[in-house]
Amino acid sequence: MPLRNAIMLRGGLLAGLWLVLSDFALSGLIIGMPAVAAATALSLRLLPAASGRRPWRGVPLLPRFVWRSLLGGLDVARRALDPRLPLSPGWRTLPRTLSPGGGFLIGTQHSLMPGTLVAGTRRGQYLVHLLDDRQPIAAPLREEEDRLSRALEKPS
């Protein structure tokens, strides 16, 4: 996709999202326009326009993303309201196999897994905070990376 088309498409989608989030208040455009410009530039840096990738193939991942978000919120609420406070917090490092942009996406998505937060990456590894360090994390993270890779892979 030519750069101009990518800027218009991404900028338009982000501007539409901003308008929805700001309840279509025109006064929000003072902050919204620079935010949209910055987000568009960042998206082009993380996923260049001429990459040949097909991001719309990620749309089937959205229902899972929403479902996991709901489950994650319910899990945290359950832990917070449980009088026994079933917590055993800890940190783990797990290898990252995706590009930095893909790693950011998977980190954001995986943070919705109940009781986890991908706090960043360092030297090709995810830094993951867990509310319960006894929970399995490596296999679900690898599964999510594989799912995202298949959805966004370059055409051959």
Protein backbone atom coordinates (compact mmCIF):
# COMPACT_ATOMS: atom_id res chain seq x y z
CA MET A 1 0.00 0.00 0.00
CA PRO A 2 1.43 3.41 -0.89
CA LEU A 3 2.49 5.54 2.06
CA ARG A 4 -0.12 8.23 1.38
CA ASN A 5 -2.94 5.66 1.41
CA ALA A 6 -1.60 4.10 4.61
CA ILE A 7 -1.47 7.50 6.32
CA MET A 8 -5.02 8.31 5.24
CA LEU A 9 -6.40 4.91 6.25
CA ARG A 10 -4.67 4.68 9.62
CA GLY A 11 -5.15 8.36 10.40
CA GLY A 12 -8.82 8.11 9.48
CA LEU A 13 -9.38 5.04 11.65
CA LEU A 14 -7.55 6.60 14.60
CA ALA A 15 -9.41 9.90 14.18
CA GLY A 16 -12.70 8.00 14.14
CA LEU A 17 -11.69 6.15 17.28
CA TRP A 18 -10.76 9.44 18.94
CA LEU A 19 -14.12 10.96 18.06
CA VAL A 20 -15.95 7.97 19.51
CA LEU A 21 -13.87 8.05 22.70
CA SER A 22 -14.36 11.81 23.10
CA ASP A 23 -18.12 11.49 22.55
CA PHE A 24 -17.84 13.47 19.30
CA ALA A 25 -16.88 16.64 21.20
CA LEU A 26 -15.19 19.00 18.76
CA SER A 27 -13.30 20.58 21.66
CA GLY A 28 -11.46 17.27 21.98
CA LEU A 29 -9.82 17.83 18.60
CA ILE A 30 -7.29 20.23 20.15
CA ILE A 31 -5.66 17.27 21.86
CA GLY A 32 -7.00 14.65 19.48
CA MET A 33 -5.39 15.82 16.26
CA PRO A 34 -1.81 15.77 17.59
CA ALA A 35 -2.55 12.45 19.31
CA VAL A 36 -3.88 10.97 16.06
CA ALA A 37 -0.86 12.28 14.13
CA ALA A 38 1.54 10.78 16.69
CA ALA A 39 -0.32 7.46 16.78
CA THR A 40 -0.37 7.30 12.98
CA ALA A 41 3.37 7.98 12.81
CA LEU A 42 4.03 5.34 15.47
CA SER A 43 1.88 2.78 13.66
CA LEU A 44 3.84 3.40 10.46
CA ARG A 45 7.09 2.96 12.35
CA LEU A 46 5.99 -0.32 13.95
CA LEU A 47 4.32 -1.68 10.82
CA PRO A 48 5.59 0.08 7.66
CA ALA A 49 3.10 0.69 4.87
CA ALA A 50 5.00 -1.36 2.30
CA SER A 51 5.42 -4.36 4.60
CA GLY A 52 3.06 -6.57 2.60
CA ARG A 53 1.33 -7.62 5.78
CA ARG A 54 -2.42 -7.97 5.95
CA PRO A 55 -3.54 -6.52 9.28
CA TRP A 56 -7.23 -7.15 8.59
CA ARG A 57 -6.43 -10.82 9.09
CA GLY A 58 -6.17 -9.94 12.78
CA VAL A 59 -9.90 -9.13 12.95
CA PRO A 60 -10.81 -12.73 13.92
CA LEU A 61 -8.60 -12.25 17.00
CA LEU A 62 -10.84 -9.46 18.34
CA PRO A 63 -13.56 -11.65 19.94
CA ARG A 64 -10.86 -13.59 21.81
CA PHE A 65 -9.27 -10.29 22.88
CA VAL A 66 -12.59 -9.00 24.26
CA TRP A 67 -13.36 -12.32 25.98
CA ARG A 68 -9.93 -12.48 27.62
CA SER A 69 -10.29 -8.87 28.72
CA LEU A 70 -13.53 -9.74 30.48
CA LEU A 71 -12.04 -12.86 32.08
CA GLY A 72 -8.97 -10.91 33.21
CA GLY A 73 -11.11 -8.25 34.86
CA LEU A 74 -13.27 -10.83 36.59
CA ASP A 75 -10.21 -12.72 37.85
CA VAL A 76 -8.65 -9.59 39.33
CA ALA A 77 -11.98 -8.62 40.95
CA ARG A 78 -12.38 -12.12 42.40
CA ARG A 79 -8.89 -12.01 43.87
CA ALA A 80 -9.44 -8.54 45.31
CA LEU A 81 -12.74 -9.51 46.95
CA ASP A 82 -11.69 -12.94 48.24
CA PRO A 83 -11.07 -12.70 52.01
CA ARG A 84 -8.19 -15.19 51.69
CA LEU A 85 -6.54 -12.90 49.08
CA PRO A 86 -5.14 -15.72 46.89
CA LEU A 87 -2.01 -13.93 45.72
CA SER A 88 1.55 -15.06 45.21
CA PRO A 89 3.00 -12.27 43.05
CA GLY A 90 6.16 -12.73 41.09
CA TRP A 91 8.11 -11.94 37.93
CA ARG A 92 9.08 -14.15 35.01
CA THR A 93 11.07 -13.58 31.85
CA LEU A 94 9.97 -15.41 28.73
CA PRO A 95 11.61 -15.42 25.29
CA ARG A 96 10.09 -13.17 22.63
CA THR A 97 9.93 -14.62 19.11
CA LEU A 98 8.07 -11.78 17.38
CA SER A 99 9.39 -8.50 16.00
CA PRO A 100 9.29 -5.47 18.34
CA GLY A 101 5.92 -4.37 16.88
CA GLY A 102 4.48 -7.86 17.17
CA GLY A 103 5.94 -8.17 20.65
CA PHE A 104 4.14 -4.98 21.65
CA LEU A 105 0.84 -6.32 20.31
CA ILE A 106 1.22 -9.68 22.01
CA GLY A 107 2.31 -7.99 25.25
CA THR A 108 -0.79 -5.82 25.18
CA GLN A 109 -3.03 -8.78 24.43
CA HIS A 110 -1.37 -11.08 26.94
CA SER A 111 -1.73 -8.49 29.70
CA LEU A 112 -5.43 -9.30 29.52
CA MET A 113 -4.77 -12.88 30.52
CA PRO A 114 -6.06 -13.24 34.07
CA GLY A 115 -3.47 -12.11 36.60
CA THR A 116 -0.70 -11.15 34.16
CA LEU A 117 0.94 -7.96 32.99
CA VAL A 118 3.63 -7.84 30.33
CA ALA A 119 5.57 -4.93 31.81
CA GLY A 120 8.05 -4.63 28.95
CA THR A 121 10.80 -6.38 27.06
CA ARG A 122 14.52 -6.60 27.60
CA ARG A 123 17.12 -8.35 25.44
CA GLY A 124 14.51 -10.26 23.45
CA GLN A 125 12.54 -11.35 26.51
CA TYR A 126 9.15 -10.38 27.89
CA LEU A 127 9.10 -9.16 31.49
CA VAL A 128 5.88 -10.58 32.93
CA HIS A 129 4.38 -9.73 36.33
CA LEU A 130 2.02 -12.35 37.77
CA LEU A 131 -0.51 -12.09 40.57
CA ASP A 132 0.05 -15.80 41.15
CA ASP A 133 3.49 -17.03 40.11
CA ARG A 134 2.27 -20.64 40.26
CA GLN A 135 0.07 -20.17 37.19
CA PRO A 136 1.30 -21.51 33.84
CA ILE A 137 2.41 -18.68 31.58
CA ALA A 138 4.92 -19.92 28.97
CA ALA A 139 2.56 -22.15 26.97
CA PRO A 140 -0.32 -19.63 26.78
CA LEU A 141 2.08 -16.86 25.74
CA ARG A 142 3.61 -19.02 23.00
CA GLU A 143 0.12 -19.98 21.82
CA GLU A 144 -0.85 -16.29 21.55
CA GLU A 145 2.37 -15.48 19.68
CA ASP A 146 1.67 -18.29 17.20
CA ARG A 147 -1.93 -17.15 16.73
CA LEU A 148 -0.85 -13.55 16.09
CA SER A 149 1.95 -14.64 13.74
CA ARG A 150 -0.48 -16.65 11.63
CA ALA A 151 -2.96 -13.80 11.50
CA LEU A 152 -0.47 -11.12 10.49
CA GLU A 153 2.13 -13.06 8.51
CA LYS A 154 3.42 -11.71 5.22
CA PRO A 155 1.95 -13.32 2.12
CA SER A 156 4.32 -15.64 0.28
